[in-house]
Structure formats: C-alpha cells, structure tokens
Amino acid sequence: MAKFFTTRGLSHNLEEVIKNADLWIMLVTPYLQFSQTIYERLQHAKKRGVSITFIYGKASLNPKEFKLLQEL
C-alpha cells in the first residue's frame, strides 16, 4: 500500500515502512539524502529479501551516497 509523507515525522515513518516491508520498497523523492540509521534499516531490509527502488531527480548524488546505494 502506498504511503505519502510530509516533513513532519518523516524519519520515524520512513523507518517504520522500511522495517515492516516484506516484498519491496519504492522511495520517490526530489532529493535523496539519508541518515546512517535509514541506510542501516535499508541494509536489513535487503538481507530480508526486500527489493529496493529509489526514484529521485533534483540533485546528483555525492560519490559516497552513490557507493552506498550501489551496495544495496
């Protein structure tokens, strides 16, 4: 089921979606920047077999973030 978030409570809600995903996660955002905690949650989701897709577009990723996403 799709969930849409505003800035209020974003981190908490995003963590909950990632923790509870069982098949796939698709994150659509104009800017992609995430915390270490979110990255760790995404790693755990991947280990559970969750497919992860990012759609972003208003800025290019810095090399460190790009490398982290490639590892997912």
PDB file of N, CA and C in Angstrom:
ATOM      1  N   MET A   1       0.846  -1.172   0.000  1.00  0.00           N
ATOM      2  CA  MET A   1       0.000   0.000   0.000  1.00  0.00           C
ATOM      3  C   MET A   1       0.894   1.238   0.000  1.00  0.00           C
ATOM      4  N   ALA A   2       0.586   2.192  -0.832  1.00  0.00           N
ATOM      5  CA  ALA A   2       1.384   3.422  -0.906  1.00  0.00           C
ATOM      6  C   ALA A   2       1.175   4.279   0.335  1.00  0.00           C
ATOM      7  N   LYS A   3       2.256   4.903   0.773  1.00  0.00           N
ATOM      8  CA  LYS A   3       2.197   5.840   1.887  1.00  0.00           C
ATOM      9  C   LYS A   3       2.880   7.113   1.443  1.00  0.00           C
ATOM     10  N   PHE A   4       2.283   8.246   1.776  1.00  0.00           N
ATOM     11  CA  PHE A   4       2.830   9.545   1.421  1.00  0.00           C
ATOM     12  C   PHE A   4       3.127  10.303   2.697  1.00  0.00           C
ATOM     13  N   PHE A   5       4.328  10.884   2.782  1.00  0.00           N
ATOM     14  CA  PHE A   5       4.752  11.579   3.991  1.00  0.00           C
ATOM     15  C   PHE A   5       5.070  13.032   3.696  1.00  0.00           C
ATOM     16  N   THR A   6       4.801  13.859   4.684  1.00  0.00           N
ATOM     17  CA  THR A   6       5.268  15.241   4.656  1.00  0.00           C
ATOM     18  C   THR A   6       6.473  15.303   5.575  1.00  0.00           C
ATOM     19  N   THR A   7       7.030  16.476   5.790  1.00  0.00           N
ATOM     20  CA  THR A   7       8.234  16.569   6.615  1.00  0.00           C
ATOM     21  C   THR A   7       7.985  16.223   8.078  1.00  0.00           C
ATOM     22  N   ARG A   8       6.797  16.390   8.552  1.00  0.00           N
ATOM     23  CA  ARG A   8       6.502  16.102   9.954  1.00  0.00           C
ATOM     24  C   ARG A   8       6.527  14.594  10.208  1.00  0.00           C
ATOM     25  N   GLY A   9       7.436  14.164  11.033  1.00  0.00           N
ATOM     26  CA  GLY A   9       7.537  12.750  11.382  1.00  0.00           C
ATOM     27  C   GLY A   9       8.110  11.872  10.285  1.00  0.00           C
ATOM     28  N   LEU A  10       8.762  12.473   9.313  1.00  0.00           N
ATOM     29  CA  LEU A  10       9.257  11.727   8.169  1.00  0.00           C
ATOM     30  C   LEU A  10      10.208  10.600   8.564  1.00  0.00           C
ATOM     31  N   SER A  11      11.212  10.898   9.356  1.00  0.00           N
ATOM     32  CA  SER A  11      12.209   9.875   9.710  1.00  0.00           C
ATOM     33  C   SER A  11      11.572   8.681  10.405  1.00  0.00           C
ATOM     34  N   HIS A  12      10.719   8.957  11.370  1.00  0.00           N
ATOM     35  CA  HIS A  12      10.074   7.866  12.104  1.00  0.00           C
ATOM     36  C   HIS A  12       9.219   7.015  11.171  1.00  0.00           C
ATOM     37  N   ASN A  13       8.394   7.658  10.363  1.00  0.00           N
ATOM     38  CA  ASN A  13       7.512   6.920   9.457  1.00  0.00           C
ATOM     39  C   ASN A  13       8.291   6.144   8.405  1.00  0.00           C
ATOM     40  N   LEU A  14       9.342   6.733   7.885  1.00  0.00           N
ATOM     41  CA  LEU A  14      10.160   6.044   6.895  1.00  0.00           C
ATOM     42  C   LEU A  14      10.818   4.808   7.503  1.00  0.00           C
ATOM     43  N   GLU A  15      11.330   4.939   8.714  1.00  0.00           N
ATOM     44  CA  GLU A  15      11.916   3.774   9.393  1.00  0.00           C
ATOM     45  C   GLU A  15      10.883   2.662   9.554  1.00  0.00           C
ATOM     46  N   GLU A  16       9.666   3.021   9.932  1.00  0.00           N
ATOM     47  CA  GLU A  16       8.621   2.019  10.127  1.00  0.00           C
ATOM     48  C   GLU A  16       8.275   1.310   8.815  1.00  0.00           C
ATOM     49  N   VAL A  17       8.180   2.062   7.735  1.00  0.00           N
ATOM     50  CA  VAL A  17       7.892   1.448   6.433  1.00  0.00           C
ATOM     51  C   VAL A  17       9.004   0.464   6.058  1.00  0.00           C
ATOM     52  N   ILE A  18      10.240   0.888   6.229  1.00  0.00           N
ATOM     53  CA  ILE A  18      11.368   0.018   5.873  1.00  0.00           C
ATOM     54  C   ILE A  18      11.385  -1.226   6.760  1.00  0.00           C
ATOM     55  N   LYS A  19      11.186  -1.050   8.064  1.00  0.00           N
ATOM     56  CA  LYS A  19      11.212  -2.199   8.982  1.00  0.00           C
ATOM     57  C   LYS A  19      10.097  -3.193   8.693  1.00  0.00           C
ATOM     58  N   ASN A  20       8.945  -2.704   8.232  1.00  0.00           N
ATOM     59  CA  ASN A  20       7.792  -3.575   8.029  1.00  0.00           C
ATOM     60  C   ASN A  20       7.641  -4.093   6.601  1.00  0.00           C
ATOM     61  N   ALA A  21       8.494  -3.668   5.695  1.00  0.00           N
ATOM     62  CA  ALA A  21       8.393  -4.118   4.297  1.00  0.00           C
ATOM     63  C   ALA A  21       8.736  -5.595   4.202  1.00  0.00           C
ATOM     64  N   ASP A  22       7.963  -6.306   3.387  1.00  0.00           N
ATOM     65  CA  ASP A  22       8.283  -7.718   3.216  1.00  0.00           C
ATOM     66  C   ASP A  22       8.563  -8.105   1.764  1.00  0.00           C
ATOM     67  N   LEU A  23       8.144  -7.281   0.796  1.00  0.00           N
ATOM     68  CA  LEU A  23       8.408  -7.595  -0.604  1.00  0.00           C
ATOM     69  C   LEU A  23       9.253  -6.537  -1.297  1.00  0.00           C
ATOM     70  N   TRP A  24       8.815  -5.270  -1.222  1.00  0.00           N
ATOM     71  CA  TRP A  24       9.523  -4.222  -1.933  1.00  0.00           C
ATOM     72  C   TRP A  24       9.282  -2.863  -1.289  1.00  0.00           C
ATOM     73  N   ILE A  25      10.223  -1.964  -1.573  1.00  0.00           N
ATOM     74  CA  ILE A  25      10.134  -0.567  -1.145  1.00  0.00           C
ATOM     75  C   ILE A  25      10.478   0.277  -2.363  1.00  0.00           C
ATOM     76  N   MET A  26       9.640   1.265  -2.649  1.00  0.00           N
ATOM     77  CA  MET A  26       9.952   2.232  -3.700  1.00  0.00           C
ATOM     78  C   MET A  26       9.899   3.612  -3.055  1.00  0.00           C
ATOM     79  N   LEU A  27      11.043   4.284  -3.037  1.00  0.00           N
ATOM     80  CA  LEU A  27      11.128   5.615  -2.457  1.00  0.00           C
ATOM     81  C   LEU A  27      11.212   6.634  -3.586  1.00  0.00           C
ATOM     82  N   VAL A  28      10.262   7.558  -3.619  1.00  0.00           N
ATOM     83  CA  VAL A  28      10.208   8.599  -4.644  1.00  0.00           C
ATOM     84  C   VAL A  28      10.373   9.934  -3.941  1.00  0.00           C
ATOM     85  N   THR A  29      11.408  10.669  -4.327  1.00  0.00           N
ATOM     86  CA  THR A  29      11.718  11.928  -3.662  1.00  0.00           C
ATOM     87  C   THR A  29      12.499  12.837  -4.611  1.00  0.00           C
ATOM     88  N   PRO A  30      12.299  14.153  -4.506  1.00  0.00           N
ATOM     89  CA  PRO A  30      13.086  15.039  -5.369  1.00  0.00           C
ATOM     90  C   PRO A  30      14.556  15.060  -4.974  1.00  0.00           C
ATOM     91  N   TYR A  31      14.847  14.926  -3.699  1.00  0.00           N
ATOM     92  CA  TYR A  31      16.227  14.935  -3.207  1.00  0.00           C
ATOM     93  C   TYR A  31      16.475  13.656  -2.438  1.00  0.00           C
ATOM     94  N   LEU A  32      17.626  13.093  -2.625  1.00  0.00           N
ATOM     95  CA  LEU A  32      17.955  11.853  -1.923  1.00  0.00           C
ATOM     96  C   LEU A  32      19.134  12.099  -0.997  1.00  0.00           C
ATOM     97  N   GLN A  33      18.821  12.094   0.280  1.00  0.00           N
ATOM     98  CA  GLN A  33      19.850  12.218   1.307  1.00  0.00           C
ATOM     99  C   GLN A  33      19.309  11.463   2.513  1.00  0.00           C
ATOM    100  N   PHE A  34      20.073  10.535   3.019  1.00  0.00           N
ATOM    101  CA  PHE A  34      19.559   9.735   4.119  1.00  0.00           C
ATOM    102  C   PHE A  34      20.589   9.606   5.224  1.00  0.00           C
ATOM    103  N   SER A  35      20.086   9.327   6.408  1.00  0.00           N
ATOM    104  CA  SER A  35      20.942   9.197   7.582  1.00  0.00           C
ATOM    105  C   SER A  35      21.546   7.798   7.643  1.00  0.00           C
ATOM    106  N   GLN A  36      22.506   7.639   8.518  1.00  0.00           N
ATOM    107  CA  GLN A  36      23.111   6.321   8.726  1.00  0.00           C
ATOM    108  C   GLN A  36      22.060   5.326   9.211  1.00  0.00           C
ATOM    109  N   THR A  37      21.139   5.776  10.046  1.00  0.00           N
ATOM    110  CA  THR A  37      20.089   4.897  10.563  1.00  0.00           C
ATOM    111  C   THR A  37      19.204   4.379   9.436  1.00  0.00           C
ATOM    112  N   ILE A  38      18.800   5.266   8.533  1.00  0.00           N
ATOM    113  CA  ILE A  38      17.969   4.840   7.401  1.00  0.00           C
ATOM    114  C   ILE A  38      18.747   3.871   6.522  1.00  0.00           C
ATOM    115  N   TYR A  39      20.007   4.172   6.274  1.00  0.00           N
ATOM    116  CA  TYR A  39      20.837   3.268   5.475  1.00  0.00           C
ATOM    117  C   TYR A  39      20.904   1.881   6.124  1.00  0.00           C
ATOM    118  N   GLU A  40      21.088   1.833   7.438  1.00  0.00           N
ATOM    119  CA  GLU A  40      21.150   0.549   8.142  1.00  0.00           C
ATOM    120  C   GLU A  40      19.823  -0.196   8.042  1.00  0.00           C
ATOM    121  N   ARG A  41      18.711   0.522   8.149  1.00  0.00           N
ATOM    122  CA  ARG A  41      17.391  -0.106   8.003  1.00  0.00           C
ATOM    123  C   ARG A  41      17.241  -0.688   6.591  1.00  0.00           C
ATOM    124  N   LEU A  42      17.722   0.050   5.583  1.00  0.00           N
ATOM    125  CA  LEU A  42      17.655  -0.447   4.212  1.00  0.00           C
ATOM    126  C   LEU A  42      18.523  -1.692   4.035  1.00  0.00           C
ATOM    127  N   GLN A  43      19.692  -1.721   4.665  1.00  0.00           N
ATOM    128  CA  GLN A  43      20.552  -2.915   4.613  1.00  0.00           C
ATOM    129  C   GLN A  43      19.830  -4.120   5.201  1.00  0.00           C
ATOM    130  N   HIS A  44      19.166  -3.929   6.345  1.00  0.00           N
ATOM    131  CA  HIS A  44      18.436  -5.033   6.968  1.00  0.00           C
ATOM    132  C   HIS A  44      17.297  -5.507   6.067  1.00  0.00           C
ATOM    133  N   ALA A  45      16.614  -4.553   5.429  1.00  0.00           N
ATOM    134  CA  ALA A  45      15.527  -4.929   4.520  1.00  0.00           C
ATOM    135  C   ALA A  45      16.071  -5.761   3.366  1.00  0.00           C
ATOM    136  N   LYS A  46      17.187  -5.364   2.819  1.00  0.00           N
ATOM    137  CA  LYS A  46      17.789  -6.115   1.717  1.00  0.00           C
ATOM    138  C   LYS A  46      18.130  -7.538   2.161  1.00  0.00           C
ATOM    139  N   LYS A  47      18.670  -7.683   3.368  1.00  0.00           N
ATOM    140  CA  LYS A  47      19.005  -9.008   3.890  1.00  0.00           C
ATOM    141  C   LYS A  47      17.765  -9.877   4.052  1.00  0.00           C
ATOM    142  N   ARG A  48      16.598  -9.238   4.254  1.00  0.00           N
ATOM    143  CA  ARG A  48      15.333  -9.976   4.362  1.00  0.00           C
ATOM    144  C   ARG A  48      14.754 -10.304   2.992  1.00  0.00           C
ATOM    145  N   GLY A  49      15.429  -9.855   1.927  1.00  0.00           N
ATOM    146  CA  GLY A  49      14.963 -10.140   0.578  1.00  0.00           C
ATOM    147  C   GLY A  49      14.046  -9.081  -0.003  1.00  0.00           C
ATOM    148  N   VAL A  50      13.984  -7.907   0.618  1.00  0.00           N
ATOM    149  CA  VAL A  50      13.129  -6.824   0.130  1.00  0.00           C
ATOM    150  C   VAL A  50      13.808  -6.145  -1.057  1.00  0.00           C
ATOM    151  N   SER A  51      13.064  -5.961  -2.141  1.00  0.00           N
ATOM    152  CA  SER A  51      13.558  -5.243  -3.312  1.00  0.00           C
ATOM    153  C   SER A  51      13.442  -3.742  -3.035  1.00  0.00           C
ATOM    154  N   ILE A  52      14.510  -2.981  -3.317  1.00  0.00           N
ATOM    155  CA  ILE A  52      14.536  -1.552  -3.001  1.00  0.00           C
ATOM    156  C   ILE A  52      14.760  -0.759  -4.280  1.00  0.00           C
ATOM    157  N   THR A  53      13.869   0.213  -4.540  1.00  0.00           N
ATOM    158  CA  THR A  53      13.978   1.083  -5.706  1.00  0.00           C
ATOM    159  C   THR A  53      13.950   2.533  -5.243  1.00  0.00           C
ATOM    160  N   PHE A  54      14.880   3.340  -5.773  1.00  0.00           N
ATOM    161  CA  PHE A  54      14.915   4.776  -5.496  1.00  0.00           C
ATOM    162  C   PHE A  54      14.599   5.532  -6.775  1.00  0.00           C
ATOM    163  N   ILE A  55      13.732   6.515  -6.669  1.00  0.00           N
ATOM    164  CA  ILE A  55      13.476   7.434  -7.780  1.00  0.00           C
ATOM    165  C   ILE A  55      13.687   8.832  -7.219  1.00  0.00           C
ATOM    166  N   TYR A  56      14.664   9.523  -7.775  1.00  0.00           N
ATOM    167  CA  TYR A  56      14.985  10.877  -7.311  1.00  0.00           C
ATOM    168  C   TYR A  56      15.426  11.682  -8.513  1.00  0.00           C
ATOM    169  N   GLY A  57      15.526  13.016  -8.361  1.00  0.00           N
ATOM    170  CA  GLY A  57      15.883  13.711  -9.566  1.00  0.00           C
ATOM    171  C   GLY A  57      16.395  15.123  -9.488  1.00  0.00           C
ATOM    172  N   LYS A  58      16.283  15.819  -8.402  1.00  0.00           N
ATOM    173  CA  LYS A  58      16.654  17.228  -8.411  1.00  0.00           C
ATOM    174  C   LYS A  58      18.113  17.501  -8.129  1.00  0.00           C
ATOM    175  N   ALA A  59      18.854  16.502  -7.770  1.00  0.00           N
ATOM    176  CA  ALA A  59      20.282  16.700  -7.486  1.00  0.00           C
ATOM    177  C   ALA A  59      21.015  15.386  -7.723  1.00  0.00           C
ATOM    178  N   SER A  60      22.235  15.498  -8.138  1.00  0.00           N
ATOM    179  CA  SER A  60      23.023  14.284  -8.292  1.00  0.00           C
ATOM    180  C   SER A  60      23.563  13.864  -6.925  1.00  0.00           C
ATOM    181  N   LEU A  61      23.853  12.609  -6.790  1.00  0.00           N
ATOM    182  CA  LEU A  61      24.372  12.095  -5.528  1.00  0.00           C
ATOM    183  C   LEU A  61      25.858  12.376  -5.410  1.00  0.00           C
ATOM    184  N   ASN A  62      26.280  12.595  -4.178  1.00  0.00           N
ATOM    185  CA  ASN A  62      27.727  12.691  -3.989  1.00  0.00           C
ATOM    186  C   ASN A  62      28.297  11.270  -4.090  1.00  0.00           C
ATOM    187  N   PRO A  63      29.584  11.142  -4.376  1.00  0.00           N
ATOM    188  CA  PRO A  63      30.172   9.812  -4.596  1.00  0.00           C
ATOM    189  C   PRO A  63      29.961   8.837  -3.437  1.00  0.00           C
ATOM    190  N   LYS A  64      29.995   9.327  -2.209  1.00  0.00           N
ATOM    191  CA  LYS A  64      29.809   8.435  -1.052  1.00  0.00           C
ATOM    192  C   LYS A  64      28.392   7.853  -1.051  1.00  0.00           C
ATOM    193  N   GLU A  65      27.372   8.706  -1.240  1.00  0.00           N
ATOM    194  CA  GLU A  65      25.995   8.215  -1.260  1.00  0.00           C
ATOM    195  C   GLU A  65      25.769   7.254  -2.431  1.00  0.00           C
ATOM    196  N   PHE A  66      26.341   7.573  -3.589  1.00  0.00           N
ATOM    197  CA  PHE A  66      26.198   6.714  -4.753  1.00  0.00           C
ATOM    198  C   PHE A  66      26.762   5.328  -4.464  1.00  0.00           C
ATOM    199  N   LYS A  67      27.919   5.271  -3.840  1.00  0.00           N
ATOM    200  CA  LYS A  67      28.554   3.983  -3.495  1.00  0.00           C
ATOM    201  C   LYS A  67      27.685   3.201  -2.517  1.00  0.00           C
ATOM    202  N   LEU A  68      27.119   3.879  -1.505  1.00  0.00           N
ATOM    203  CA  LEU A  68      26.259   3.213  -0.544  1.00  0.00           C
ATOM    204  C   LEU A  68      25.030   2.620  -1.222  1.00  0.00           C
ATOM    205  N   LEU A  69      24.441   3.366  -2.138  1.00  0.00           N
ATOM    206  CA  LEU A  69      23.258   2.850  -2.844  1.00  0.00           C
ATOM    207  C   LEU A  69      23.607   1.664  -3.732  1.00  0.00           C
ATOM    208  N   GLN A  70      24.757   1.701  -4.354  1.00  0.00           N
ATOM    209  CA  GLN A  70      25.168   0.575  -5.188  1.00  0.00           C
ATOM    210  C   GLN A  70      25.301  -0.693  -4.349  1.00  0.00           C
ATOM    211  N   GLU A  71      25.717  -0.545  -3.100  1.00  0.00           N
ATOM    212  CA  GLU A  71      25.870  -1.705  -2.221  1.00  0.00           C
ATOM    213  C   GLU A  71      24.520  -2.310  -1.847  1.00  0.00           C
ATOM    214  N   LEU A  72      23.468  -1.506  -1.905  1.00  0.00           N
ATOM    215  CA  LEU A  72      22.141  -2.033  -1.612  1.00  0.00           C
ATOM    216  C   LEU A  72      21.621  -2.822  -2.797  1.00  0.00           C
TER     217      LEU A  72
END
